[in-house]
Amino acid sequence: MGYLLEDLPRVQQPAYFIGLDLGQSQDFSAMAILERHGASKHDYAFHCRHLHRWKLRTSYPAIVAESVAIANDPKLRTRDRKPLLAVDATGVGAPVIDLFKKATLHAKLEPVQIVGGSTVSKERGLNRVPKRDLVSVVQVALQNGRLRIAEKLPDAATLVKELQNFQVKITDTGNDTYGAWREGTHDDLVLAVALALWCAVSLEPAQFYSW
């Protein structure tokens, strides 16, 4: 549990990334907020500041409303940066994204559709990201010790359990097999973290820092 800390120091001028996993009827929806600091990809570090899991079958309009309220919190904005909100657009897709677009959202909205294959693409504002890329960004952050989770967060223990159950194997043929990703175990918090992490390390800062 090297990624679990009792407390995390605050840093000056951080950037905030919010990951929102939208579950289906039998899956939880979950949110994770990461605080990124560091000057470049070579020294980025991430502190998980907030975790939230909604009750099963919470309506999508309710989740959108709560998510917008959280993203609009002034604590997530600095003088020249606004938070980025990465939303899973894989299952429920366009209707929920449209709800976010209609809301008064003071964050950069980045819909992410999880796909197979190995190619990242973007069309009409929709990021298509291979599942292996999301898995890898979490694995790397854990292995190099750059992802830290505040122990006092209400769902920290749940996230730690999900991370422990979360495995990926890249076979010699280039195919990915996953120990847990929407297959028998809940991994909503991990996916929320993965969405935020991927955006934090993959998207050009200029896309969302300026107002």
Protein backbone atom coordinates (compact mmCIF):
# COMPACT_ATOMS: atom_id res chain seq x y z
CA MET A 1 0.00 0.00 0.00
CA GLY A 2 2.82 2.38 -0.81
CA TYR A 3 0.40 4.67 -2.58
CA LEU A 4 -1.73 5.24 0.52
CA LEU A 5 -0.70 8.16 2.75
CA GLU A 6 -2.18 9.36 6.01
CA ASP A 7 -2.19 12.93 4.76
CA LEU A 8 -1.03 14.91 1.75
CA PRO A 9 0.61 18.33 1.75
CA ARG A 10 -0.99 21.04 -0.33
CA VAL A 11 1.03 22.52 -3.17
CA GLN A 12 0.95 25.95 -4.75
CA GLN A 13 -0.62 26.47 -8.18
CA PRO A 14 -1.75 22.87 -8.77
CA ALA A 15 -3.93 21.71 -11.64
CA TYR A 16 -7.07 19.69 -10.96
CA PHE A 17 -8.42 16.80 -13.00
CA ILE A 18 -11.81 15.23 -12.34
CA GLY A 19 -12.61 11.75 -13.59
CA LEU A 20 -16.26 10.66 -13.79
CA ASP A 21 -17.17 7.05 -14.49
CA LEU A 22 -20.84 6.61 -15.43
CA GLY A 23 -22.04 3.17 -14.42
CA GLN A 24 -24.79 1.11 -15.96
CA SER A 25 -27.76 -0.23 -13.97
CA GLN A 26 -25.65 -2.74 -12.03
CA ASP A 27 -22.51 -0.60 -11.77
CA PHE A 28 -21.75 2.30 -9.50
CA SER A 29 -20.98 5.73 -10.88
CA ALA A 30 -17.91 7.27 -9.29
CA MET A 31 -15.80 10.40 -9.25
CA ALA A 32 -12.15 11.03 -8.43
CA ILE A 33 -10.39 14.40 -8.21
CA LEU A 34 -6.63 14.46 -8.71
CA GLU A 35 -4.35 17.35 -7.87
CA ARG A 36 -1.37 17.46 -10.22
CA HIS A 37 1.87 19.24 -9.53
CA GLY A 38 5.22 19.28 -11.26
CA ALA A 39 6.67 21.17 -14.20
CA SER A 40 6.51 18.44 -16.86
CA LYS A 41 5.53 14.85 -17.55
CA HIS A 42 8.91 13.78 -16.21
CA ASP A 43 8.17 14.96 -12.68
CA TYR A 44 4.37 15.02 -12.41
CA ALA A 45 2.93 13.79 -9.12
CA PHE A 46 -0.74 13.24 -8.36
CA HIS A 47 -2.61 13.54 -5.08
CA CYS A 48 -6.09 12.05 -4.95
CA ARG A 49 -8.09 14.70 -3.07
CA HIS A 50 -11.67 13.51 -3.47
CA LEU A 51 -13.50 10.25 -4.07
CA HIS A 52 -17.22 9.73 -4.38
CA ARG A 53 -19.40 6.77 -5.31
CA TRP A 54 -23.10 7.25 -5.99
CA LYS A 55 -25.74 4.77 -4.90
CA LEU A 56 -26.82 2.24 -7.49
CA ARG A 57 -29.44 3.53 -9.93
CA THR A 58 -28.87 7.18 -9.06
CA SER A 59 -30.30 9.08 -12.03
CA TYR A 60 -27.89 10.56 -14.55
CA PRO A 61 -29.42 14.06 -14.25
CA ALA A 62 -28.73 13.92 -10.49
CA ILE A 63 -25.15 12.79 -11.09
CA VAL A 64 -24.63 15.55 -13.64
CA ALA A 65 -26.01 18.20 -11.28
CA GLU A 66 -23.76 17.07 -8.41
CA SER A 67 -20.74 16.79 -10.69
CA VAL A 68 -21.24 20.30 -12.04
CA ALA A 69 -21.54 21.67 -8.51
CA ILE A 70 -18.28 19.97 -7.52
CA ALA A 71 -16.43 21.04 -10.67
CA ASN A 72 -17.55 24.63 -10.16
CA ASP A 73 -16.06 24.82 -6.67
CA PRO A 74 -13.70 27.84 -6.64
CA LYS A 75 -11.15 25.75 -4.73
CA LEU A 76 -10.46 23.84 -7.95
CA ARG A 77 -9.60 27.00 -9.89
CA THR A 78 -6.44 29.05 -9.75
CA ARG A 79 -5.58 32.36 -11.36
CA ASP A 80 -4.91 30.91 -14.81
CA ARG A 81 -6.23 27.37 -14.61
CA LYS A 82 -9.63 25.78 -14.50
CA PRO A 83 -10.24 22.10 -13.76
CA LEU A 84 -10.68 19.48 -16.44
CA LEU A 85 -13.67 17.14 -16.21
CA ALA A 86 -13.15 13.82 -18.00
CA VAL A 87 -16.46 11.99 -18.43
CA ASP A 88 -16.87 8.38 -19.49
CA ALA A 89 -18.91 8.51 -22.69
CA THR A 90 -18.70 4.80 -23.47
CA GLY A 91 -21.97 3.36 -22.25
CA VAL A 92 -24.65 6.01 -21.85
CA GLY A 93 -22.89 8.21 -24.40
CA ALA A 94 -24.23 11.36 -25.98
CA PRO A 95 -27.35 12.07 -23.84
CA VAL A 96 -25.38 12.52 -20.61
CA ILE A 97 -22.65 14.52 -22.34
CA ASP A 98 -25.38 16.78 -23.71
CA LEU A 99 -26.59 17.40 -20.15
CA PHE A 100 -23.11 18.60 -19.21
CA LYS A 101 -22.94 20.83 -22.29
CA LYS A 102 -26.24 22.47 -21.35
CA ALA A 103 -25.13 23.10 -17.76
CA THR A 104 -23.20 26.13 -16.52
CA LEU A 105 -19.89 24.34 -16.16
CA HIS A 106 -16.72 26.20 -15.15
CA ALA A 107 -14.43 23.39 -16.23
CA LYS A 108 -13.05 22.00 -19.47
CA LEU A 109 -15.29 19.09 -20.49
CA GLU A 110 -13.50 16.14 -22.09
CA PRO A 111 -15.75 13.20 -23.06
CA VAL A 112 -13.78 9.93 -23.25
CA GLN A 113 -15.03 6.89 -25.13
CA ILE A 114 -13.19 3.70 -24.20
CA VAL A 115 -12.36 1.62 -27.27
CA GLY A 116 -10.33 -1.42 -28.27
CA GLY A 117 -7.22 -1.37 -30.37
CA SER A 118 -4.18 0.81 -29.84
CA THR A 119 -4.94 4.16 -31.48
CA VAL A 120 -6.02 7.33 -29.68
CA SER A 121 -8.17 9.66 -31.75
CA LYS A 122 -10.37 12.71 -31.30
CA GLU A 123 -13.32 13.77 -33.42
CA ARG A 124 -15.88 16.49 -32.74
CA GLY A 125 -14.70 16.86 -29.17
CA LEU A 126 -14.86 13.13 -28.35
CA ASN A 127 -11.66 11.41 -27.23
CA ARG A 128 -11.49 7.75 -28.27
CA VAL A 129 -8.99 6.11 -25.95
CA PRO A 130 -7.97 2.43 -26.00
CA LYS A 131 -8.64 0.57 -22.79
CA ARG A 132 -4.97 -0.42 -22.62
CA ASP A 133 -3.94 3.26 -22.48
CA LEU A 134 -6.16 3.92 -19.47
CA VAL A 135 -4.91 0.79 -17.73
CA SER A 136 -1.27 1.61 -18.45
CA VAL A 137 -1.44 5.15 -17.10
CA VAL A 138 -2.69 3.85 -13.74
CA GLN A 139 -0.12 1.06 -13.63
CA VAL A 140 2.76 3.43 -14.38
CA ALA A 141 1.64 6.00 -11.82
CA LEU A 142 1.48 3.33 -9.13
CA GLN A 143 4.78 1.72 -10.09
CA ASN A 144 6.74 4.97 -10.05
CA GLY A 145 5.06 6.18 -6.87
CA ARG A 146 3.54 9.29 -8.40
CA LEU A 147 -0.04 8.54 -7.39
CA ARG A 148 -0.91 9.11 -3.75
CA ILE A 149 -4.28 8.63 -2.06
CA ALA A 150 -5.22 10.43 1.14
CA GLU A 151 -6.09 7.77 3.70
CA LYS A 152 -8.76 9.95 5.32
CA LEU A 153 -10.95 9.98 2.20
CA PRO A 154 -14.21 8.10 2.89
CA ASP A 155 -13.75 5.74 -0.08
CA ALA A 156 -9.95 5.43 0.12
CA ALA A 157 -10.10 1.85 1.39
CA THR A 158 -12.48 0.90 -1.43
CA LEU A 159 -10.16 2.39 -4.03
CA VAL A 160 -7.17 0.60 -2.53
CA LYS A 161 -9.07 -2.69 -2.73
CA GLU A 162 -9.99 -2.01 -6.36
CA LEU A 163 -6.37 -1.19 -7.18
CA GLN A 164 -5.20 -4.41 -5.57
CA ASN A 165 -7.68 -6.39 -7.69
CA PHE A 166 -6.83 -4.46 -10.81
CA GLN A 167 -4.45 -6.34 -13.06
CA VAL A 168 -3.42 -6.14 -16.68
CA LYS A 169 -1.37 -8.48 -18.82
CA ILE A 170 0.00 -7.64 -22.24
CA THR A 171 0.44 -10.93 -24.09
CA ASP A 172 3.20 -11.65 -26.55
CA THR A 173 0.71 -11.24 -29.39
CA GLY A 174 -0.15 -7.70 -28.29
CA ASN A 175 -3.59 -8.57 -26.92
CA ASP A 176 -4.70 -7.21 -23.56
CA THR A 177 -6.34 -9.29 -20.86
CA TYR A 178 -7.71 -7.63 -17.76
CA GLY A 179 -8.16 -9.08 -14.29
CA ALA A 180 -10.90 -6.60 -13.45
CA TRP A 181 -12.55 -4.08 -15.75
CA ARG A 182 -16.31 -4.32 -15.78
CA GLU A 183 -15.99 -8.09 -15.44
CA GLY A 184 -17.43 -9.40 -12.20
CA THR A 185 -15.95 -6.88 -9.79
CA HIS A 186 -16.57 -3.20 -9.25
CA ASP A 187 -13.79 -1.01 -10.55
CA ASP A 188 -15.62 2.30 -10.87
CA LEU A 189 -13.23 4.26 -8.66
CA VAL A 190 -10.22 2.92 -10.56
CA LEU A 191 -11.79 3.95 -13.85
CA ALA A 192 -12.56 7.43 -12.49
CA VAL A 193 -8.91 7.76 -11.47
CA ALA A 194 -7.76 6.43 -14.86
CA LEU A 195 -9.85 8.97 -16.78
CA ALA A 196 -8.42 11.85 -14.76
CA LEU A 197 -4.87 10.52 -15.00
CA TRP A 198 -4.99 9.95 -18.74
CA CYS A 199 -6.14 13.51 -19.38
CA ALA A 200 -3.56 14.88 -16.96
CA VAL A 201 -0.64 13.28 -18.77
CA SER A 202 -1.92 13.14 -22.36
CA LEU A 203 -3.72 16.38 -23.20
CA GLU A 204 -1.98 19.62 -24.08
CA PRO A 205 -2.29 22.02 -21.10
CA ALA A 206 -3.15 24.96 -23.36
CA GLN A 207 -6.41 23.20 -24.20
CA PHE A 208 -7.88 23.90 -20.82
CA TYR A 209 -5.72 26.26 -18.75
CA SER A 210 -6.82 29.53 -20.33
CA TRP A 211 -10.24 30.96 -19.66
